[in-house]
Full PDB file with SEQRES, HELIX, SHEET, SSBOND, CRYST1, ORIGX, SCALE, CONECT and MASTER records, all heavy atoms in Angstrom:
SEQRES   1 A   30  VAL PRO GLU ALA PRO ALA ALA ALA GLY ASP GLU GLY PHE          
SEQRES   2 A   30  THR GLU ILE SER GLY SER VAL ASP GLY ASP SER GLU GLY          
SEQRES   3 A   30  SER TYR SER SER                                              
CRYST1    1.000    1.000    1.000  90.00  90.00  90.00 P 1           1          
ORIGX1      1.000000  0.000000  0.000000        0.00000                         
ORIGX2      0.000000  1.000000  0.000000        0.00000                         
ORIGX3      0.000000  0.000000  1.000000        0.00000                         
SCALE1      1.000000  0.000000  0.000000        0.00000                         
SCALE2      0.000000  1.000000  0.000000        0.00000                         
SCALE3      0.000000  0.000000  1.000000        0.00000                         
ATOM      1  N   VAL A   1      22.634 -29.255   4.466  1.00  0.00           N  
ATOM      2  CA  VAL A   1      22.374 -27.901   4.056  1.00  0.00           C  
ATOM      3  C   VAL A   1      21.736 -27.113   5.174  1.00  0.00           C  
ATOM      4  O   VAL A   1      20.553 -27.220   5.384  1.00  0.00           O  
ATOM      5  CB  VAL A   1      21.473 -27.860   2.789  1.00  0.00           C  
ATOM      6  CG1 VAL A   1      21.285 -26.426   2.336  1.00  0.00           C  
ATOM      7  CG2 VAL A   1      22.039 -28.735   1.715  1.00  0.00           C  
ATOM      8  N   PRO A   2      22.503 -26.290   5.910  1.00  0.00           N  
ATOM      9  CA  PRO A   2      21.933 -25.471   6.939  1.00  0.00           C  
ATOM     10  C   PRO A   2      20.921 -24.514   6.311  1.00  0.00           C  
ATOM     11  O   PRO A   2      21.151 -23.966   5.243  1.00  0.00           O  
ATOM     12  CB  PRO A   2      23.116 -24.710   7.562  1.00  0.00           C  
ATOM     13  CG  PRO A   2      24.310 -25.510   7.157  1.00  0.00           C  
ATOM     14  CD  PRO A   2      23.968 -26.133   5.837  1.00  0.00           C  
ATOM     15  N   GLU A   3      19.794 -24.302   7.014  1.00  0.00           N  
ATOM     16  CA  GLU A   3      18.815 -23.412   6.496  1.00  0.00           C  
ATOM     17  C   GLU A   3      19.191 -21.959   6.761  1.00  0.00           C  
ATOM     18  O   GLU A   3      19.819 -21.663   7.784  1.00  0.00           O  
ATOM     19  CB  GLU A   3      17.444 -23.679   7.148  1.00  0.00           C  
ATOM     20  CG  GLU A   3      16.858 -25.052   6.786  1.00  0.00           C  
ATOM     21  CD  GLU A   3      15.480 -25.247   7.415  1.00  0.00           C  
ATOM     22  OE1 GLU A   3      15.048 -24.349   8.167  1.00  0.00           O  
ATOM     23  OE2 GLU A   3      14.897 -26.292   7.175  1.00  0.00           O  
ATOM     24  N   ALA A   4      18.795 -21.104   5.829  1.00  0.00           N  
ATOM     25  CA  ALA A   4      19.045 -19.662   6.042  1.00  0.00           C  
ATOM     26  C   ALA A   4      18.166 -19.181   7.208  1.00  0.00           C  
ATOM     27  O   ALA A   4      17.079 -19.688   7.401  1.00  0.00           O  
ATOM     28  CB  ALA A   4      18.678 -18.904   4.744  1.00  0.00           C  
ATOM     29  N   PRO A   5      18.692 -18.229   7.942  1.00  0.00           N  
ATOM     30  CA  PRO A   5      17.839 -17.658   9.033  1.00  0.00           C  
ATOM     31  C   PRO A   5      16.585 -17.105   8.469  1.00  0.00           C  
ATOM     32  O   PRO A   5      16.592 -16.465   7.397  1.00  0.00           O  
ATOM     33  CB  PRO A   5      18.736 -16.534   9.618  1.00  0.00           C  
ATOM     34  CG  PRO A   5      20.139 -16.919   9.193  1.00  0.00           C  
ATOM     35  CD  PRO A   5      19.980 -17.642   7.883  1.00  0.00           C  
ATOM     36  N   ALA A   6      15.481 -17.380   9.131  1.00  0.00           N  
ATOM     37  CA  ALA A   6      14.159 -16.897   8.646  1.00  0.00           C  
ATOM     38  C   ALA A   6      14.005 -15.424   8.855  1.00  0.00           C  
ATOM     39  O   ALA A   6      14.345 -14.909   9.902  1.00  0.00           O  
ATOM     40  CB  ALA A   6      13.050 -17.663   9.377  1.00  0.00           C  
ATOM     41  N   ALA A   7      13.541 -14.736   7.856  1.00  0.00           N  
ATOM     42  CA  ALA A   7      13.325 -13.301   7.956  1.00  0.00           C  
ATOM     43  C   ALA A   7      12.009 -13.087   8.742  1.00  0.00           C  
ATOM     44  O   ALA A   7      11.101 -13.881   8.747  1.00  0.00           O  
ATOM     45  CB  ALA A   7      13.191 -12.681   6.573  1.00  0.00           C  
ATOM     46  N   ALA A   8      12.006 -11.964   9.423  1.00  0.00           N  
ATOM     47  CA  ALA A   8      10.791 -11.616  10.191  1.00  0.00           C  
ATOM     48  C   ALA A   8       9.644 -11.381   9.214  1.00  0.00           C  
ATOM     49  O   ALA A   8       9.832 -10.898   8.109  1.00  0.00           O  
ATOM     50  CB  ALA A   8      11.056 -10.358  11.007  1.00  0.00           C  
ATOM     51  N   GLY A   9       8.447 -11.752   9.632  1.00  0.00           N  
ATOM     52  CA  GLY A   9       7.293 -11.561   8.808  1.00  0.00           C  
ATOM     53  C   GLY A   9       6.966 -10.116   8.568  1.00  0.00           C  
ATOM     54  O   GLY A   9       7.272  -9.239   9.384  1.00  0.00           O  
ATOM     55  N   ASP A  10       6.359  -9.810   7.397  1.00  0.00           N  
ATOM     56  CA  ASP A  10       6.004  -8.464   7.068  1.00  0.00           C  
ATOM     57  C   ASP A  10       4.681  -8.140   7.732  1.00  0.00           C  
ATOM     58  O   ASP A  10       3.618  -8.526   7.291  1.00  0.00           O  
ATOM     59  CB  ASP A  10       5.907  -8.304   5.543  1.00  0.00           C  
ATOM     60  CG  ASP A  10       5.658  -6.865   5.138  1.00  0.00           C  
ATOM     61  OD1 ASP A  10       5.535  -6.021   6.035  1.00  0.00           O  
ATOM     62  OD2 ASP A  10       5.605  -6.585   3.944  1.00  0.00           O  
ATOM     63  N   GLU A  11       4.766  -7.378   8.811  1.00  0.00           N  
ATOM     64  CA  GLU A  11       3.593  -7.009   9.549  1.00  0.00           C  
ATOM     65  C   GLU A  11       2.987  -5.696   9.054  1.00  0.00           C  
ATOM     66  O   GLU A  11       1.984  -5.208   9.582  1.00  0.00           O  
ATOM     67  CB  GLU A  11       3.936  -6.871  11.026  1.00  0.00           C  
ATOM     68  CG  GLU A  11       4.605  -8.110  11.604  1.00  0.00           C  
ATOM     69  CD  GLU A  11       3.628  -9.211  11.928  1.00  0.00           C  
ATOM     70  OE1 GLU A  11       2.484  -8.853  12.200  1.00  0.00           O  
ATOM     71  OE2 GLU A  11       4.036 -10.395  11.875  1.00  0.00           O  
ATOM     72  N   GLY A  12       3.663  -5.066   8.087  1.00  0.00           N  
ATOM     73  CA  GLY A  12       3.198  -3.756   7.658  1.00  0.00           C  
ATOM     74  C   GLY A  12       3.779  -2.680   8.536  1.00  0.00           C  
ATOM     75  O   GLY A  12       4.548  -2.932   9.455  1.00  0.00           O  
ATOM     76  N   PHE A  13       3.432  -1.438   8.248  1.00  0.00           N  
ATOM     77  CA  PHE A  13       4.018  -0.318   8.985  1.00  0.00           C  
ATOM     78  C   PHE A  13       2.899   0.464   9.641  1.00  0.00           C  
ATOM     79  O   PHE A  13       1.775   0.605   9.105  1.00  0.00           O  
ATOM     80  CB  PHE A  13       4.786   0.619   8.058  1.00  0.00           C  
ATOM     81  CG  PHE A  13       6.037   0.005   7.526  1.00  0.00           C  
ATOM     82  CD1 PHE A  13       6.015  -0.812   6.370  1.00  0.00           C  
ATOM     83  CD2 PHE A  13       7.220   0.175   8.195  1.00  0.00           C  
ATOM     84  CE1 PHE A  13       7.180  -1.355   5.930  1.00  0.00           C  
ATOM     85  CE2 PHE A  13       8.404  -0.389   7.736  1.00  0.00           C  
ATOM     86  CZ  PHE A  13       8.364  -1.115   6.606  1.00  0.00           C  
ATOM     87  N   THR A  14       3.148   0.976  10.834  1.00  0.00           N  
ATOM     88  CA  THR A  14       2.192   1.850  11.483  1.00  0.00           C  
ATOM     89  C   THR A  14       2.422   3.250  10.910  1.00  0.00           C  
ATOM     90  O   THR A  14       3.508   3.768  10.894  1.00  0.00           O  
ATOM     91  CB  THR A  14       2.449   1.890  12.995  1.00  0.00           C  
ATOM     92  OG1 THR A  14       2.295   0.581  13.498  1.00  0.00           O  
ATOM     93  CG2 THR A  14       1.467   2.830  13.671  1.00  0.00           C  
ATOM     94  N   GLU A  15       1.338   3.853  10.432  1.00  0.00           N  
ATOM     95  CA  GLU A  15       1.417   5.187   9.840  1.00  0.00           C  
ATOM     96  C   GLU A  15       1.866   6.203  10.873  1.00  0.00           C  
ATOM     97  O   GLU A  15       1.426   6.140  12.062  1.00  0.00           O  
ATOM     98  CB  GLU A  15       0.100   5.592   9.240  1.00  0.00           C  
ATOM     99  CG  GLU A  15      -0.339   4.798   8.010  1.00  0.00           C  
ATOM    100  CD  GLU A  15       0.527   5.142   6.802  1.00  0.00           C  
ATOM    101  OE1 GLU A  15       1.237   6.166   6.854  1.00  0.00           O  
ATOM    102  OE2 GLU A  15       0.476   4.443   5.794  1.00  0.00           O  
ATOM    103  N   ILE A  16       2.729   7.104  10.510  1.00  0.00           N  
ATOM    104  CA  ILE A  16       3.132   8.197  11.390  1.00  0.00           C  
ATOM    105  C   ILE A  16       2.019   9.191  11.463  1.00  0.00           C  
ATOM    106  O   ILE A  16       1.444   9.564  10.451  1.00  0.00           O  
ATOM    107  CB  ILE A  16       4.384   8.896  10.833  1.00  0.00           C  
ATOM    108  CG1 ILE A  16       5.560   7.892  10.863  1.00  0.00           C  
ATOM    109  CG2 ILE A  16       4.760  10.130  11.642  1.00  0.00           C  
ATOM    110  CD1 ILE A  16       6.840   8.441  10.248  1.00  0.00           C  
ATOM    111  N   SER A  17       1.653   9.650  12.646  1.00  0.00           N  
ATOM    112  CA  SER A  17       0.549  10.582  12.790  1.00  0.00           C  
ATOM    113  C   SER A  17       0.990  11.716  13.681  1.00  0.00           C  
ATOM    114  O   SER A  17       2.001  11.654  14.375  1.00  0.00           O  
ATOM    115  CB  SER A  17      -0.684   9.884  13.400  1.00  0.00           C  
ATOM    116  OG  SER A  17      -0.382   9.353  14.686  1.00  0.00           O  
ATOM    117  N   GLY A  18       0.216  12.829  13.638  1.00  0.00           N  
ATOM    118  CA  GLY A  18       0.527  13.968  14.424  1.00  0.00           C  
ATOM    119  C   GLY A  18       1.293  14.977  13.668  1.00  0.00           C  
ATOM    120  O   GLY A  18       1.834  14.667  12.615  1.00  0.00           O  
ATOM    121  N   SER A  19       1.359  16.204  14.136  1.00  0.00           N  
ATOM    122  CA  SER A  19       2.034  17.259  13.432  1.00  0.00           C  
ATOM    123  C   SER A  19       3.506  17.240  13.714  1.00  0.00           C  
ATOM    124  O   SER A  19       3.957  16.769  14.752  1.00  0.00           O  
ATOM    125  CB  SER A  19       1.453  18.627  13.847  1.00  0.00           C  
ATOM    126  OG  SER A  19       1.655  18.839  15.250  1.00  0.00           O  
ATOM    127  N   VAL A  20       4.291  17.728  12.726  1.00  0.00           N  
ATOM    128  CA  VAL A  20       5.744  17.775  12.852  1.00  0.00           C  
ATOM    129  C   VAL A  20       6.194  19.158  12.482  1.00  0.00           C  
ATOM    130  O   VAL A  20       5.745  19.757  11.503  1.00  0.00           O  
ATOM    131  CB  VAL A  20       6.406  16.729  11.915  1.00  0.00           C  
ATOM    132  CG1 VAL A  20       7.926  16.812  12.043  1.00  0.00           C  
ATOM    133  CG2 VAL A  20       5.935  15.346  12.206  1.00  0.00           C  
ATOM    134  N   ASP A  21       7.067  19.744  13.289  1.00  0.00           N  
ATOM    135  CA  ASP A  21       7.611  21.061  12.984  1.00  0.00           C  
ATOM    136  C   ASP A  21       8.394  21.015  11.717  1.00  0.00           C  
ATOM    137  O   ASP A  21       9.422  20.310  11.593  1.00  0.00           O  
ATOM    138  CB  ASP A  21       8.465  21.539  14.182  1.00  0.00           C  
ATOM    139  CG  ASP A  21       8.975  22.954  13.978  1.00  0.00           C  
ATOM    140  OD1 ASP A  21       8.631  23.559  12.927  1.00  0.00           O  
ATOM    141  OD2 ASP A  21       9.729  23.471  14.824  1.00  0.00           O  
ATOM    142  N   GLY A  22       7.941  21.770  10.712  1.00  0.00           N  
ATOM    143  CA  GLY A  22       8.614  21.731   9.417  1.00  0.00           C  
ATOM    144  C   GLY A  22       9.719  22.735   9.230  1.00  0.00           C  
ATOM    145  O   GLY A  22      10.220  22.908   8.133  1.00  0.00           O  
ATOM    146  N   ASP A  23      10.107  23.444  10.253  1.00  0.00           N  
ATOM    147  CA  ASP A  23      11.163  24.448  10.176  1.00  0.00           C  
ATOM    148  C   ASP A  23      12.495  23.761   9.850  1.00  0.00           C  
ATOM    149  O   ASP A  23      13.030  23.029  10.675  1.00  0.00           O  
ATOM    150  CB  ASP A  23      11.284  25.183  11.520  1.00  0.00           C  
ATOM    151  CG  ASP A  23      12.320  26.293  11.459  1.00  0.00           C  
ATOM    152  OD1 ASP A  23      12.955  26.473  10.384  1.00  0.00           O  
ATOM    153  OD2 ASP A  23      12.539  26.948  12.520  1.00  0.00           O  
ATOM    154  N   SER A  24      13.029  24.032   8.644  1.00  0.00           N  
ATOM    155  CA  SER A  24      14.249  23.338   8.243  1.00  0.00           C  
ATOM    156  C   SER A  24      15.460  23.774   9.072  1.00  0.00           C  
ATOM    157  O   SER A  24      16.471  23.074   9.100  1.00  0.00           O  
ATOM    158  CB  SER A  24      14.533  23.648   6.755  1.00  0.00           C  
ATOM    159  OG  SER A  24      14.719  25.060   6.582  1.00  0.00           O  
ATOM    160  N   GLU A  25      15.340  24.887   9.802  1.00  0.00           N  
ATOM    161  CA  GLU A  25      16.427  25.326  10.631  1.00  0.00           C  
ATOM    162  C   GLU A  25      16.319  24.751  12.064  1.00  0.00           C  
ATOM    163  O   GLU A  25      17.211  24.937  12.852  1.00  0.00           O  
ATOM    164  CB  GLU A  25      16.427  26.853  10.714  1.00  0.00           C  
ATOM    165  CG  GLU A  25      16.617  27.558   9.364  1.00  0.00           C  
ATOM    166  CD  GLU A  25      17.953  27.202   8.737  1.00  0.00           C  
ATOM    167  OE1 GLU A  25      18.941  27.104   9.476  1.00  0.00           O  
ATOM    168  OE2 GLU A  25      17.989  26.991   7.490  1.00  0.00           O  
ATOM    169  N   GLY A  26      15.245  24.033  12.315  1.00  0.00           N  
ATOM    170  CA  GLY A  26      15.062  23.502  13.654  1.00  0.00           C  
ATOM    171  C   GLY A  26      15.943  22.300  13.886  1.00  0.00           C  
ATOM    172  O   GLY A  26      16.533  21.737  12.967  1.00  0.00           O  
ATOM    173  N   SER A  27      16.066  21.898  15.149  1.00  0.00           N  
ATOM    174  CA  SER A  27      16.913  20.743  15.505  1.00  0.00           C  
ATOM    175  C   SER A  27      16.086  19.452  15.406  1.00  0.00           C  
ATOM    176  O   SER A  27      14.851  19.500  15.431  1.00  0.00           O  
ATOM    177  CB  SER A  27      17.434  20.897  16.927  1.00  0.00           C  
ATOM    178  OG  SER A  27      16.357  20.966  17.849  1.00  0.00           O  
ATOM    179  N   TYR A  28      16.746  18.355  15.289  1.00  0.00           N  
ATOM    180  CA  TYR A  28      16.113  17.053  15.219  1.00  0.00           C  
ATOM    181  C   TYR A  28      17.074  16.014  15.802  1.00  0.00           C  
ATOM    182  O   TYR A  28      18.276  16.243  15.851  1.00  0.00           O  
ATOM    183  CB  TYR A  28      15.675  16.664  13.804  1.00  0.00           C  
ATOM    184  CG  TYR A  28      16.810  16.611  12.828  1.00  0.00           C  
ATOM    185  CD1 TYR A  28      17.521  15.447  12.598  1.00  0.00           C  
ATOM    186  CD2 TYR A  28      17.194  17.742  12.075  1.00  0.00           C  
ATOM    187  CE1 TYR A  28      18.576  15.364  11.693  1.00  0.00           C  
ATOM    188  CE2 TYR A  28      18.236  17.707  11.188  1.00  0.00           C  
ATOM    189  CZ  TYR A  28      18.923  16.509  10.978  1.00  0.00           C  
ATOM    190  OH  TYR A  28      19.965  16.451  10.084  1.00  0.00           O  
ATOM    191  N   SER A  29      16.523  14.893  16.196  1.00  0.00           N  
ATOM    192  CA  SER A  29      17.300  13.833  16.784  1.00  0.00           C  
ATOM    193  C   SER A  29      17.934  12.968  15.723  1.00  0.00           C  
ATOM    194  O   SER A  29      17.359  12.695  14.688  1.00  0.00           O  
ATOM    195  CB  SER A  29      16.439  12.969  17.713  1.00  0.00           C  
ATOM    196  OG  SER A  29      15.922  13.754  18.787  1.00  0.00           O  
ATOM    197  N   SER A  30      19.134  12.486  15.979  1.00  0.00           N  
ATOM    198  CA  SER A  30      19.788  11.521  15.129  1.00  0.00           C  
ATOM    199  C   SER A  30      20.045  10.251  15.896  1.00  0.00           C  
ATOM    200  O   SER A  30      19.714  10.159  17.075  1.00  0.00           O  
ATOM    201  CB  SER A  30      21.098  12.091  14.584  1.00  0.00           C  
ATOM    202  OG  SER A  30      21.978  12.425  15.657  1.00  0.00           O  
TER     203      SER A  30                                                      
MASTER        0    0    0    0    0    0    0    6  202    1    0    3          
END                                                                             
């Protein structure tokens, strides 16, 4: 029985900080 690949550990998420331009007509990266 081959073992399933191990999932990466849950390290949590780094909170996003800083201001973001909220102009809905502005450009953003994809």
